[in-house]
N, C-alpha and C. Protein backbone atom coordinates (compact mmCIF):
# COMPACT_ATOMS: atom_id res chain seq x y z
N UNK A 1 0.84 -1.18 0.00
CA UNK A 1 0.00 0.00 0.00
C UNK A 1 0.89 1.24 0.00
N UNK A 2 0.63 2.15 -0.91
CA UNK A 2 1.42 3.38 -0.97
C UNK A 2 0.58 4.56 -0.47
N UNK A 3 1.22 5.44 0.23
CA UNK A 3 0.55 6.63 0.76
C UNK A 3 0.72 7.77 -0.24
N UNK A 4 -0.34 8.53 -0.40
CA UNK A 4 -0.29 9.68 -1.29
C UNK A 4 -0.85 10.88 -0.56
N UNK A 5 -0.23 12.00 -0.80
CA UNK A 5 -0.73 13.25 -0.24
C UNK A 5 -1.94 13.71 -1.05
N UNK A 6 -2.89 14.33 -0.41
CA UNK A 6 -4.05 14.83 -1.16
C UNK A 6 -3.63 15.91 -2.16
N UNK A 7 -4.26 15.90 -3.29
CA UNK A 7 -4.00 16.91 -4.31
C UNK A 7 -5.28 17.69 -4.55
N UNK A 8 -5.11 18.95 -4.80
CA UNK A 8 -6.27 19.76 -5.14
C UNK A 8 -5.96 20.57 -6.39
N UNK A 9 -6.98 20.90 -7.12
CA UNK A 9 -6.84 21.75 -8.29
C UNK A 9 -7.58 23.04 -8.01
N UNK A 10 -6.91 24.13 -8.30
CA UNK A 10 -7.48 25.44 -8.07
C UNK A 10 -7.43 26.25 -9.35
N UNK A 11 -8.25 27.26 -9.39
CA UNK A 11 -8.31 28.17 -10.51
C UNK A 11 -7.56 29.44 -10.12
N UNK A 12 -6.64 29.88 -10.93
CA UNK A 12 -5.85 31.07 -10.65
C UNK A 12 -6.11 32.09 -11.75
N UNK A 13 -6.51 33.28 -11.35
CA UNK A 13 -6.76 34.36 -12.30
C UNK A 13 -5.83 35.52 -11.96
N UNK A 14 -4.99 35.90 -12.91
CA UNK A 14 -4.05 37.01 -12.71
C UNK A 14 -4.56 38.19 -13.53
N UNK A 15 -4.76 39.31 -12.88
CA UNK A 15 -5.32 40.51 -13.52
C UNK A 15 -4.26 41.56 -13.77
N UNK A 16 -4.55 42.45 -14.69
CA UNK A 16 -3.74 43.65 -14.98
C UNK A 16 -2.30 43.34 -15.37
N UNK A 17 -2.13 42.39 -16.27
CA UNK A 17 -0.83 42.11 -16.85
C UNK A 17 -0.74 42.90 -18.15
N UNK A 18 0.42 43.48 -18.41
CA UNK A 18 0.59 44.21 -19.67
C UNK A 18 0.52 43.22 -20.83
N UNK A 19 -0.34 43.49 -21.80
CA UNK A 19 -0.51 42.58 -22.93
C UNK A 19 0.68 42.61 -23.88
N UNK A 20 1.30 43.77 -24.02
CA UNK A 20 2.45 43.91 -24.90
C UNK A 20 3.74 43.99 -24.09
N UNK A 21 4.78 43.37 -24.61
CA UNK A 21 6.09 43.46 -23.97
C UNK A 21 6.60 44.88 -24.19
N UNK A 22 7.25 45.44 -23.17
CA UNK A 22 7.70 46.84 -23.22
C UNK A 22 8.44 47.18 -24.51
N UNK A 23 8.06 48.30 -25.11
CA UNK A 23 8.70 48.87 -26.30
C UNK A 23 8.69 47.94 -27.52
N UNK A 24 7.75 47.01 -27.59
CA UNK A 24 7.62 46.15 -28.76
C UNK A 24 6.15 46.01 -29.11
N UNK A 25 5.88 45.40 -30.22
CA UNK A 25 4.50 45.08 -30.59
C UNK A 25 4.22 43.60 -30.37
N UNK A 26 5.06 42.93 -29.58
CA UNK A 26 4.90 41.51 -29.30
C UNK A 26 4.04 41.31 -28.07
N UNK A 27 3.08 40.40 -28.19
CA UNK A 27 2.24 40.13 -27.02
C UNK A 27 2.94 39.15 -26.09
N UNK A 28 2.57 39.21 -24.84
CA UNK A 28 3.16 38.33 -23.84
C UNK A 28 2.77 36.89 -24.17
N UNK A 29 3.69 35.95 -24.00
CA UNK A 29 3.47 34.56 -24.39
C UNK A 29 3.24 33.69 -23.16
N UNK A 30 2.51 32.59 -23.32
CA UNK A 30 2.29 31.68 -22.19
C UNK A 30 3.59 31.16 -21.57
N UNK A 31 4.63 30.99 -22.38
CA UNK A 31 5.93 30.52 -21.86
C UNK A 31 6.49 31.49 -20.82
N UNK A 32 6.33 32.78 -21.09
CA UNK A 32 6.83 33.80 -20.17
C UNK A 32 6.05 33.75 -18.86
N UNK A 33 4.74 33.62 -18.95
CA UNK A 33 3.90 33.54 -17.75
C UNK A 33 4.25 32.30 -16.94
N UNK A 34 4.45 31.16 -17.61
CA UNK A 34 4.84 29.93 -16.91
C UNK A 34 6.16 30.11 -16.19
N UNK A 35 7.13 30.73 -16.85
CA UNK A 35 8.44 30.95 -16.25
C UNK A 35 8.32 31.83 -15.00
N UNK A 36 7.53 32.89 -15.08
CA UNK A 36 7.35 33.79 -13.94
C UNK A 36 6.70 33.04 -12.77
N UNK A 37 5.68 32.24 -13.06
CA UNK A 37 5.02 31.47 -12.00
C UNK A 37 5.99 30.49 -11.35
N UNK A 38 6.80 29.82 -12.16
CA UNK A 38 7.74 28.83 -11.62
C UNK A 38 8.88 29.45 -10.83
N UNK A 39 9.25 30.69 -11.14
CA UNK A 39 10.37 31.32 -10.45
C UNK A 39 9.95 32.20 -9.27
N UNK A 40 8.66 32.39 -9.09
CA UNK A 40 8.16 33.18 -7.96
C UNK A 40 8.03 32.27 -6.74
N UNK A 41 8.62 32.69 -5.62
CA UNK A 41 8.63 31.84 -4.42
C UNK A 41 7.23 31.51 -3.91
N UNK A 42 6.26 32.37 -4.18
CA UNK A 42 4.89 32.13 -3.74
C UNK A 42 4.28 30.88 -4.38
N UNK A 43 4.70 30.59 -5.61
CA UNK A 43 4.15 29.45 -6.36
C UNK A 43 5.18 28.34 -6.55
N UNK A 44 6.16 28.22 -5.68
CA UNK A 44 7.28 27.30 -5.92
C UNK A 44 6.85 25.84 -6.05
N UNK A 45 5.81 25.40 -5.38
CA UNK A 45 5.37 24.01 -5.47
C UNK A 45 4.14 23.83 -6.34
N UNK A 46 3.80 24.85 -7.11
CA UNK A 46 2.62 24.80 -7.97
C UNK A 46 2.95 24.08 -9.28
N UNK A 47 2.07 23.21 -9.69
CA UNK A 47 2.19 22.52 -10.97
C UNK A 47 1.01 22.93 -11.82
N UNK A 48 1.29 23.45 -12.99
CA UNK A 48 0.22 23.90 -13.88
C UNK A 48 -0.38 22.69 -14.60
N UNK A 49 -1.69 22.62 -14.67
CA UNK A 49 -2.36 21.53 -15.36
C UNK A 49 -2.39 21.78 -16.87
N UNK A 50 -2.27 23.02 -17.29
CA UNK A 50 -2.34 23.38 -18.69
C UNK A 50 -1.60 24.70 -18.88
N UNK A 51 -1.30 25.03 -20.12
CA UNK A 51 -0.65 26.30 -20.41
C UNK A 51 -1.59 27.45 -20.06
N UNK A 52 -1.04 28.57 -19.57
CA UNK A 52 -1.89 29.72 -19.25
C UNK A 52 -2.58 30.26 -20.50
N UNK A 53 -3.79 30.72 -20.32
CA UNK A 53 -4.57 31.34 -21.39
C UNK A 53 -4.51 32.86 -21.18
N UNK A 54 -4.05 33.58 -22.17
CA UNK A 54 -3.89 35.03 -22.08
C UNK A 54 -4.91 35.68 -22.99
N UNK A 55 -5.75 36.55 -22.41
CA UNK A 55 -6.75 37.27 -23.19
C UNK A 55 -6.70 38.75 -22.84
N UNK A 56 -7.09 39.59 -23.77
CA UNK A 56 -7.17 41.02 -23.50
C UNK A 56 -8.36 41.29 -22.61
N UNK A 57 -8.21 42.25 -21.70
CA UNK A 57 -9.31 42.63 -20.82
C UNK A 57 -10.46 43.23 -21.63
N UNK A 58 -10.12 44.07 -22.57
CA UNK A 58 -11.09 44.69 -23.50
C UNK A 58 -10.45 44.67 -24.89
N UNK A 59 -11.24 44.67 -25.95
CA UNK A 59 -10.66 44.57 -27.30
C UNK A 59 -9.60 45.62 -27.61
N UNK A 60 -9.78 46.86 -27.16
CA UNK A 60 -8.82 47.92 -27.46
C UNK A 60 -7.86 48.19 -26.31
N UNK A 61 -7.82 47.32 -25.33
CA UNK A 61 -7.00 47.51 -24.14
C UNK A 61 -5.60 46.95 -24.33
N UNK A 62 -4.65 47.47 -23.55
CA UNK A 62 -3.30 46.90 -23.54
C UNK A 62 -3.07 46.10 -22.25
N UNK A 63 -4.13 45.78 -21.55
CA UNK A 63 -4.09 45.00 -20.31
C UNK A 63 -4.65 43.61 -20.59
N UNK A 64 -4.01 42.60 -20.00
CA UNK A 64 -4.44 41.21 -20.21
C UNK A 64 -4.85 40.56 -18.91
N UNK A 65 -5.59 39.47 -19.06
CA UNK A 65 -5.98 38.61 -17.95
C UNK A 65 -5.41 37.23 -18.26
N UNK A 66 -4.76 36.62 -17.28
CA UNK A 66 -4.17 35.30 -17.46
C UNK A 66 -4.99 34.31 -16.67
C-alpha cells in the first residue's frame, strides 16, 4: 500500500498584466507567464495543469488577464 498526499486543483486568475512586452509590438506569451510562476517563491510548489490562457481585458485595451 502506498501513501499519497491529497491533491487539489485550483483556478488562478491574474489581472492587470501588460498585454504587450515593453517597447515592442509583441504580445506576452504563455511561456513567459509559466516561467514567472515557476520562479516566484509564492508558487514554488505549484504545478500547472495546462498552459496559461492570455486574453485582452477589453478589445482595445493593452491590459491582459491570465
